[in-house]
Amino acid sequence: MKEKYEKIKQLSLEGRCKTEICRSLNMDIRAYDKLIAMTPEEREKLFQTKK
């Protein structure tokens, strides 16, 4: 999940839209929205529990 988040940040910086990012990562838009809406602390906790 952490790798996907890093890829999302990279693609966003390249100017890609949400739909393009989700397609390229084979990710549901709702999952994308949830991940982006999280605070850094919530994301870190999520990444730690998924390892």
PDB file of N, CA and C in Angstrom:
ATOM      1  N   MET A   1       0.824  -1.193   0.000  1.00  0.00           N
ATOM      2  CA  MET A   1       0.000   0.000   0.000  1.00  0.00           C
ATOM      3  C   MET A   1       0.868   1.257   0.000  1.00  0.00           C
ATOM      4  N   LYS A   2       1.971   1.190   0.732  1.00  0.00           N
ATOM      5  CA  LYS A   2       2.863   2.349   0.780  1.00  0.00           C
ATOM      6  C   LYS A   2       3.428   2.647  -0.615  1.00  0.00           C
ATOM      7  N   GLU A   3       3.739   1.582  -1.352  1.00  0.00           N
ATOM      8  CA  GLU A   3       4.274   1.765  -2.705  1.00  0.00           C
ATOM      9  C   GLU A   3       3.240   2.448  -3.598  1.00  0.00           C
ATOM     10  N   LYS A   4       1.977   2.039  -3.447  1.00  0.00           N
ATOM     11  CA  LYS A   4       0.913   2.667  -4.245  1.00  0.00           C
ATOM     12  C   LYS A   4       0.792   4.146  -3.898  1.00  0.00           C
ATOM     13  N   TYR A   5       0.871   4.465  -2.609  1.00  0.00           N
ATOM     14  CA  TYR A   5       0.761   5.864  -2.206  1.00  0.00           C
ATOM     15  C   TYR A   5       1.914   6.681  -2.792  1.00  0.00           C
ATOM     16  N   GLU A   6       3.110   6.134  -2.750  1.00  0.00           N
ATOM     17  CA  GLU A   6       4.267   6.831  -3.324  1.00  0.00           C
ATOM     18  C   GLU A   6       4.065   7.048  -4.821  1.00  0.00           C
ATOM     19  N   LYS A   7       3.518   6.053  -5.506  1.00  0.00           N
ATOM     20  CA  LYS A   7       3.264   6.156  -6.944  1.00  0.00           C
ATOM     21  C   LYS A   7       2.189   7.212  -7.213  1.00  0.00           C
ATOM     22  N   ILE A   8       1.157   7.256  -6.341  1.00  0.00           N
ATOM     23  CA  ILE A   8       0.111   8.274  -6.484  1.00  0.00           C
ATOM     24  C   ILE A   8       0.718   9.667  -6.391  1.00  0.00           C
ATOM     25  N   LYS A   9       1.580   9.879  -5.396  1.00  0.00           N
ATOM     26  CA  LYS A   9       2.217  11.193  -5.228  1.00  0.00           C
ATOM     27  C   LYS A   9       3.030  11.547  -6.468  1.00  0.00           C
ATOM     28  N   GLN A  10       3.785  10.574  -6.974  1.00  0.00           N
ATOM     29  CA  GLN A  10       4.625  10.818  -8.150  1.00  0.00           C
ATOM     30  C   GLN A  10       3.776  11.176  -9.369  1.00  0.00           C
ATOM     31  N   LEU A  11       2.728  10.401  -9.615  1.00  0.00           N
ATOM     32  CA  LEU A  11       1.874  10.662 -10.779  1.00  0.00           C
ATOM     33  C   LEU A  11       1.131  11.979 -10.640  1.00  0.00           C
ATOM     34  N   SER A  12       0.748  12.348  -9.419  1.00  0.00           N
ATOM     35  CA  SER A  12       0.079  13.627  -9.187  1.00  0.00           C
ATOM     36  C   SER A  12       1.006  14.785  -9.525  1.00  0.00           C
ATOM     37  N   LEU A  13       2.259  14.653  -9.126  1.00  0.00           N
ATOM     38  CA  LEU A  13       3.242  15.704  -9.421  1.00  0.00           C
ATOM     39  C   LEU A  13       3.478  15.836 -10.925  1.00  0.00           C
ATOM     40  N   GLU A  14       3.281  14.731 -11.648  1.00  0.00           N
ATOM     41  CA  GLU A  14       3.430  14.768 -13.102  1.00  0.00           C
ATOM     42  C   GLU A  14       2.211  15.375 -13.784  1.00  0.00           C
ATOM     43  N   GLY A  15       1.182  15.694 -12.987  1.00  0.00           N
ATOM     44  CA  GLY A  15       0.001  16.340 -13.537  1.00  0.00           C
ATOM     45  C   GLY A  15      -1.086  15.381 -13.978  1.00  0.00           C
ATOM     46  N   ARG A  16      -0.996  14.136 -13.563  1.00  0.00           N
ATOM     47  CA  ARG A  16      -2.014  13.154 -13.942  1.00  0.00           C
ATOM     48  C   ARG A  16      -3.284  13.380 -13.129  1.00  0.00           C
ATOM     49  N   CYS A  17      -4.436  13.108 -13.741  1.00  0.00           N
ATOM     50  CA  CYS A  17      -5.705  13.243 -13.019  1.00  0.00           C
ATOM     51  C   CYS A  17      -5.994  11.972 -12.228  1.00  0.00           C
ATOM     52  N   LYS A  18      -6.955  12.074 -11.323  1.00  0.00           N
ATOM     53  CA  LYS A  18      -7.301  10.957 -10.436  1.00  0.00           C
ATOM     54  C   LYS A  18      -7.672   9.704 -11.234  1.00  0.00           C
ATOM     55  N   THR A  19      -8.453   9.867 -12.293  1.00  0.00           N
ATOM     56  CA  THR A  19      -8.888   8.722 -13.093  1.00  0.00           C
ATOM     57  C   THR A  19      -7.695   8.022 -13.744  1.00  0.00           C
ATOM     58  N   GLU A  20      -6.783   8.799 -14.296  1.00  0.00           N
ATOM     59  CA  GLU A  20      -5.580   8.222 -14.917  1.00  0.00           C
ATOM     60  C   GLU A  20      -4.750   7.454 -13.896  1.00  0.00           C
ATOM     61  N   ILE A  21      -4.577   8.041 -12.727  1.00  0.00           N
ATOM     62  CA  ILE A  21      -3.779   7.412 -11.673  1.00  0.00           C
ATOM     63  C   ILE A  21      -4.408   6.087 -11.260  1.00  0.00           C
ATOM     64  N   CYS A  22      -5.710   6.096 -11.041  1.00  0.00           N
ATOM     65  CA  CYS A  22      -6.399   4.872 -10.617  1.00  0.00           C
ATOM     66  C   CYS A  22      -6.306   3.783 -11.680  1.00  0.00           C
ATOM     67  N   ARG A  23      -6.436   4.159 -12.934  1.00  0.00           N
ATOM     68  CA  ARG A  23      -6.314   3.173 -14.015  1.00  0.00           C
ATOM     69  C   ARG A  23      -4.914   2.588 -14.066  1.00  0.00           C
ATOM     70  N   SER A  24      -3.918   3.437 -13.979  1.00  0.00           N
ATOM     71  CA  SER A  24      -2.541   2.951 -14.104  1.00  0.00           C
ATOM     72  C   SER A  24      -2.130   2.078 -12.925  1.00  0.00           C
ATOM     73  N   LEU A  25      -2.727   2.309 -11.748  1.00  0.00           N
ATOM     74  CA  LEU A  25      -2.388   1.515 -10.564  1.00  0.00           C
ATOM     75  C   LEU A  25      -3.404   0.400 -10.297  1.00  0.00           C
ATOM     76  N   ASN A  26      -4.396   0.292 -11.198  1.00  0.00           N
ATOM     77  CA  ASN A  26      -5.457  -0.701 -11.023  1.00  0.00           C
ATOM     78  C   ASN A  26      -6.085  -0.558  -9.636  1.00  0.00           C
ATOM     79  N   MET A  27      -6.471   0.670  -9.331  1.00  0.00           N
ATOM     80  CA  MET A  27      -6.973   1.007  -7.996  1.00  0.00           C
ATOM     81  C   MET A  27      -8.373   1.605  -8.104  1.00  0.00           C
ATOM     82  N   ASP A  28      -9.240   1.253  -7.179  1.00  0.00           N
ATOM     83  CA  ASP A  28     -10.589   1.796  -7.133  1.00  0.00           C
ATOM     84  C   ASP A  28     -10.522   3.272  -6.713  1.00  0.00           C
ATOM     85  N   ILE A  29     -11.363   4.088  -7.330  1.00  0.00           N
ATOM     86  CA  ILE A  29     -11.356   5.523  -7.020  1.00  0.00           C
ATOM     87  C   ILE A  29     -11.698   5.767  -5.551  1.00  0.00           C
ATOM     88  N   ARG A  30     -12.589   4.950  -4.985  1.00  0.00           N
ATOM     89  CA  ARG A  30     -12.947   5.116  -3.561  1.00  0.00           C
ATOM     90  C   ARG A  30     -11.745   4.838  -2.666  1.00  0.00           C
ATOM     91  N   ALA A  31     -10.936   3.836  -3.025  1.00  0.00           N
ATOM     92  CA  ALA A  31      -9.728   3.536  -2.246  1.00  0.00           C
ATOM     93  C   ALA A  31      -8.734   4.694  -2.363  1.00  0.00           C
ATOM     94  N   TYR A  32      -8.636   5.252  -3.563  1.00  0.00           N
ATOM     95  CA  TYR A  32      -7.764   6.410  -3.793  1.00  0.00           C
ATOM     96  C   TYR A  32      -8.203   7.573  -2.908  1.00  0.00           C
ATOM     97  N   ASP A  33      -9.507   7.875  -2.934  1.00  0.00           N
ATOM     98  CA  ASP A  33     -10.031   8.991  -2.136  1.00  0.00           C
ATOM     99  C   ASP A  33      -9.763   8.776  -0.650  1.00  0.00           C
ATOM    100  N   LYS A  34      -9.963   7.560  -0.178  1.00  0.00           N
ATOM    101  CA  LYS A  34      -9.747   7.255   1.238  1.00  0.00           C
ATOM    102  C   LYS A  34      -8.276   7.451   1.609  1.00  0.00           C
ATOM    103  N   LEU A  35      -7.387   6.961   0.766  1.00  0.00           N
ATOM    104  CA  LEU A  35      -5.952   7.077   1.038  1.00  0.00           C
ATOM    105  C   LEU A  35      -5.502   8.532   1.042  1.00  0.00           C
ATOM    106  N   ILE A  36      -5.996   9.313   0.102  1.00  0.00           N
ATOM    107  CA  ILE A  36      -5.616  10.723   0.006  1.00  0.00           C
ATOM    108  C   ILE A  36      -6.187  11.529   1.180  1.00  0.00           C
ATOM    109  N   ALA A  37      -7.386  11.155   1.651  1.00  0.00           N
ATOM    110  CA  ALA A  37      -8.037  11.902   2.732  1.00  0.00           C
ATOM    111  C   ALA A  37      -7.419  11.635   4.099  1.00  0.00           C
ATOM    112  N   MET A  38      -6.637  10.577   4.220  1.00  0.00           N
ATOM    113  CA  MET A  38      -6.037  10.230   5.513  1.00  0.00           C
ATOM    114  C   MET A  38      -4.977  11.244   5.923  1.00  0.00           C
ATOM    115  N   THR A  39      -4.818  11.392   7.222  1.00  0.00           N
ATOM    116  CA  THR A  39      -3.726  12.222   7.728  1.00  0.00           C
ATOM    117  C   THR A  39      -2.427  11.421   7.587  1.00  0.00           C
ATOM    118  N   PRO A  40      -1.279  12.076   7.627  1.00  0.00           N
ATOM    119  CA  PRO A  40      -0.013  11.331   7.548  1.00  0.00           C
ATOM    120  C   PRO A  40       0.104  10.266   8.642  1.00  0.00           C
ATOM    121  N   GLU A  41      -0.412  10.570   9.831  1.00  0.00           N
ATOM    122  CA  GLU A  41      -0.345   9.599  10.927  1.00  0.00           C
ATOM    123  C   GLU A  41      -1.199   8.368  10.635  1.00  0.00           C
ATOM    124  N   GLU A  42      -2.389   8.589  10.085  1.00  0.00           N
ATOM    125  CA  GLU A  42      -3.269   7.466   9.736  1.00  0.00           C
ATOM    126  C   GLU A  42      -2.646   6.598   8.647  1.00  0.00           C
ATOM    127  N   ARG A  43      -2.036   7.261   7.654  1.00  0.00           N
ATOM    128  CA  ARG A  43      -1.384   6.512   6.574  1.00  0.00           C
ATOM    129  C   ARG A  43      -0.237   5.674   7.122  1.00  0.00           C
ATOM    130  N   GLU A  44       0.561   6.253   7.993  1.00  0.00           N
ATOM    131  CA  GLU A  44       1.702   5.528   8.558  1.00  0.00           C
ATOM    132  C   GLU A  44       1.230   4.298   9.334  1.00  0.00           C
ATOM    133  N   LYS A  45       0.155   4.471  10.091  1.00  0.00           N
ATOM    134  CA  LYS A  45      -0.405   3.344  10.839  1.00  0.00           C
ATOM    135  C   LYS A  45      -0.908   2.254   9.882  1.00  0.00           C
ATOM    136  N   LEU A  46      -1.571   2.668   8.807  1.00  0.00           N
ATOM    137  CA  LEU A  46      -2.058   1.733   7.805  1.00  0.00           C
ATOM    138  C   LEU A  46      -0.898   0.970   7.162  1.00  0.00           C
ATOM    139  N   PHE A  47       0.153   1.688   6.818  1.00  0.00           N
ATOM    140  CA  PHE A  47       1.307   1.059   6.167  1.00  0.00           C
ATOM    141  C   PHE A  47       1.974   0.052   7.110  1.00  0.00           C
ATOM    142  N   GLN A  48       2.021   0.382   8.385  1.00  0.00           N
ATOM    143  CA  GLN A  48       2.665  -0.517   9.349  1.00  0.00           C
ATOM    144  C   GLN A  48       1.850  -1.787   9.550  1.00  0.00           C
ATOM    145  N   THR A  49       0.527  -1.676   9.555  1.00  0.00           N
ATOM    146  CA  THR A  49      -0.300  -2.860   9.789  1.00  0.00           C
ATOM    147  C   THR A  49      -0.379  -3.764   8.566  1.00  0.00           C
ATOM    148  N   LYS A  50      -0.097  -3.242   7.389  1.00  0.00           N
ATOM    149  CA  LYS A  50      -0.174  -4.029   6.161  1.00  0.00           C
ATOM    150  C   LYS A  50       1.094  -4.811   5.876  1.00  0.00           C
ATOM    151  N   LYS A  51       2.170  -4.537   6.613  1.00  0.00           N
ATOM    152  CA  LYS A  51       3.446  -5.210   6.343  1.00  0.00           C
ATOM    153  C   LYS A  51       3.454  -6.603   6.758  1.00  0.00           C
TER     154      LYS A  51
END
